[in-house]
Amino acid sequence: MSKKLRHQINDNELSSHDHFHLPAKKQTGEVLELLPPGSFAKFANQPNDLPPFQVIDCKGGRCRVRQQSWGRYVHWEVEHNRLKSA
């Protein structure tokens, strides 16, 4: 027979620990451009001789992009606000 550990936790006990506090998200009010998967995007300072990046997906303020010449499994993760639609 195994013994089960029983420990009663009250709400005050959880709130007293510092590691349960999450930092507040910064609300900048910035509107991000819609970049659906499969679309192409460029950086503001991207050189003209560099082709646009293909958007794989965007989630949580970050986008995964790739160059078509890089191959299927190579991508780069960048901040969404650094990209604009090509």
C-alpha atoms as a PDB file:
ATOM      1  CA  MET A   1       0.000   0.000   0.000  1.00  0.00           C
ATOM      2  CA  SER A   2       1.320   3.400  -0.852  1.00  0.00           C
ATOM      3  CA  LYS A   3       0.818   6.340   1.426  1.00  0.00           C
ATOM      4  CA  LYS A   4      -0.648   9.445  -0.113  1.00  0.00           C
ATOM      5  CA  LEU A   5       0.769  12.769   0.910  1.00  0.00           C
ATOM      6  CA  ARG A   6      -1.949  15.119   1.998  1.00  0.00           C
ATOM      7  CA  HIS A   7      -1.178  18.754   2.504  1.00  0.00           C
ATOM      8  CA  GLN A   8      -3.888  21.319   2.785  1.00  0.00           C
ATOM      9  CA  ILE A   9      -3.087  24.599   1.027  1.00  0.00           C
ATOM     10  CA  ASN A  10      -5.045  27.719   1.728  1.00  0.00           C
ATOM     11  CA  ASP A  11      -5.301  30.749  -0.558  1.00  0.00           C
ATOM     12  CA  ASN A  12      -3.227  32.998   1.705  1.00  0.00           C
ATOM     13  CA  GLU A  13      -0.328  30.576   1.554  1.00  0.00           C
ATOM     14  CA  LEU A  14      -0.119  30.747  -2.249  1.00  0.00           C
ATOM     15  CA  SER A  15      -0.250  34.528  -2.404  1.00  0.00           C
ATOM     16  CA  SER A  16       2.619  34.896   0.053  1.00  0.00           C
ATOM     17  CA  HIS A  17       5.153  33.324  -2.351  1.00  0.00           C
ATOM     18  CA  ASP A  18       7.037  35.681  -4.672  1.00  0.00           C
ATOM     19  CA  HIS A  19       7.462  33.161  -7.460  1.00  0.00           C
ATOM     20  CA  PHE A  20       3.719  33.121  -8.185  1.00  0.00           C
ATOM     21  CA  HIS A  21       3.640  36.783  -9.268  1.00  0.00           C
ATOM     22  CA  LEU A  22       3.737  37.373 -13.002  1.00  0.00           C
ATOM     23  CA  PRO A  23       5.016  40.648 -14.404  1.00  0.00           C
ATOM     24  CA  ALA A  24       2.328  42.793 -15.958  1.00  0.00           C
ATOM     25  CA  LYS A  25       2.288  42.914 -19.743  1.00  0.00           C
ATOM     26  CA  LYS A  26       3.263  46.266 -21.132  1.00  0.00           C
ATOM     27  CA  GLN A  27       0.339  47.850 -22.908  1.00  0.00           C
ATOM     28  CA  THR A  28       1.853  50.087 -25.567  1.00  0.00           C
ATOM     29  CA  GLY A  29      -1.279  50.528 -27.644  1.00  0.00           C
ATOM     30  CA  GLU A  30       0.719  49.646 -30.759  1.00  0.00           C
ATOM     31  CA  VAL A  31      -1.320  48.124 -33.585  1.00  0.00           C
ATOM     32  CA  LEU A  32       0.512  45.314 -35.340  1.00  0.00           C
ATOM     33  CA  GLU A  33       0.085  44.635 -39.030  1.00  0.00           C
ATOM     34  CA  LEU A  34      -1.651  41.368 -39.898  1.00  0.00           C
ATOM     35  CA  LEU A  35       0.909  38.907 -41.241  1.00  0.00           C
ATOM     36  CA  PRO A  36      -0.850  35.624 -42.074  1.00  0.00           C
ATOM     37  CA  PRO A  37       1.201  32.455 -42.597  1.00  0.00           C
ATOM     38  CA  GLY A  38       2.524  32.251 -46.152  1.00  0.00           C
ATOM     39  CA  SER A  39       2.635  36.020 -46.630  1.00  0.00           C
ATOM     40  CA  PHE A  40       5.869  37.924 -47.218  1.00  0.00           C
ATOM     41  CA  ALA A  41       7.342  40.600 -44.967  1.00  0.00           C
ATOM     42  CA  LYS A  42      10.321  42.939 -44.878  1.00  0.00           C
ATOM     43  CA  PHE A  43      12.249  44.787 -42.198  1.00  0.00           C
ATOM     44  CA  ALA A  44      12.190  48.587 -42.209  1.00  0.00           C
ATOM     45  CA  ASN A  45      15.961  48.703 -42.806  1.00  0.00           C
ATOM     46  CA  GLN A  46      16.153  45.648 -45.099  1.00  0.00           C
ATOM     47  CA  PRO A  47      18.465  46.100 -48.114  1.00  0.00           C
ATOM     48  CA  ASN A  48      16.814  46.122 -51.545  1.00  0.00           C
ATOM     49  CA  ASP A  49      18.891  43.180 -52.784  1.00  0.00           C
ATOM     50  CA  LEU A  50      17.581  40.889 -49.988  1.00  0.00           C
ATOM     51  CA  PRO A  51      14.252  39.243 -50.915  1.00  0.00           C
ATOM     52  CA  PRO A  52      11.288  39.439 -48.519  1.00  0.00           C
ATOM     53  CA  PHE A  53      10.954  36.858 -45.753  1.00  0.00           C
ATOM     54  CA  GLN A  54       8.136  34.317 -45.812  1.00  0.00           C
ATOM     55  CA  VAL A  55       6.044  34.325 -42.626  1.00  0.00           C
ATOM     56  CA  ILE A  56       5.659  30.881 -41.050  1.00  0.00           C
ATOM     57  CA  ASP A  57       3.506  31.995 -38.099  1.00  0.00           C
ATOM     58  CA  CYS A  58       3.088  34.776 -35.539  1.00  0.00           C
ATOM     59  CA  LYS A  59       2.252  34.198 -31.896  1.00  0.00           C
ATOM     60  CA  GLY A  60       2.774  36.173 -28.702  1.00  0.00           C
ATOM     61  CA  GLY A  61       4.359  39.197 -30.367  1.00  0.00           C
ATOM     62  CA  ARG A  62       6.959  37.090 -32.192  1.00  0.00           C
ATOM     63  CA  CYS A  63       7.023  35.788 -35.760  1.00  0.00           C
ATOM     64  CA  ARG A  64       8.924  32.936 -37.310  1.00  0.00           C
ATOM     65  CA  VAL A  65      10.149  33.837 -40.795  1.00  0.00           C
ATOM     66  CA  ARG A  66      12.379  32.202 -43.377  1.00  0.00           C
ATOM     67  CA  GLN A  67      13.994  32.796 -46.724  1.00  0.00           C
ATOM     68  CA  GLN A  68      12.860  30.370 -49.409  1.00  0.00           C
ATOM     69  CA  SER A  69      16.494  29.543 -50.195  1.00  0.00           C
ATOM     70  CA  TRP A  70      17.165  28.513 -46.562  1.00  0.00           C
ATOM     71  CA  GLY A  71      15.325  25.205 -46.775  1.00  0.00           C
ATOM     72  CA  ARG A  72      12.243  23.941 -45.025  1.00  0.00           C
ATOM     73  CA  TYR A  73      13.583  23.500 -41.467  1.00  0.00           C
ATOM     74  CA  VAL A  74      15.574  26.714 -41.058  1.00  0.00           C
ATOM     75  CA  HIS A  75      13.757  29.773 -39.674  1.00  0.00           C
ATOM     76  CA  TRP A  76      14.399  32.969 -37.763  1.00  0.00           C
ATOM     77  CA  GLU A  77      12.270  34.243 -34.863  1.00  0.00           C
ATOM     78  CA  VAL A  78      11.830  38.030 -34.743  1.00  0.00           C
ATOM     79  CA  GLU A  79       9.627  40.565 -32.977  1.00  0.00           C
ATOM     80  CA  HIS A  80       6.360  41.182 -34.802  1.00  0.00           C
ATOM     81  CA  ASN A  81       6.717  44.975 -34.673  1.00  0.00           C
ATOM     82  CA  ARG A  82       9.970  44.821 -36.681  1.00  0.00           C
ATOM     83  CA  LEU A  83       8.153  43.425 -39.734  1.00  0.00           C
ATOM     84  CA  LYS A  84       5.952  45.077 -42.336  1.00  0.00           C
ATOM     85  CA  SER A  85       4.046  43.479 -45.187  1.00  0.00           C
ATOM     86  CA  ALA A  86       6.028  43.279 -48.442  1.00  0.00           C
END
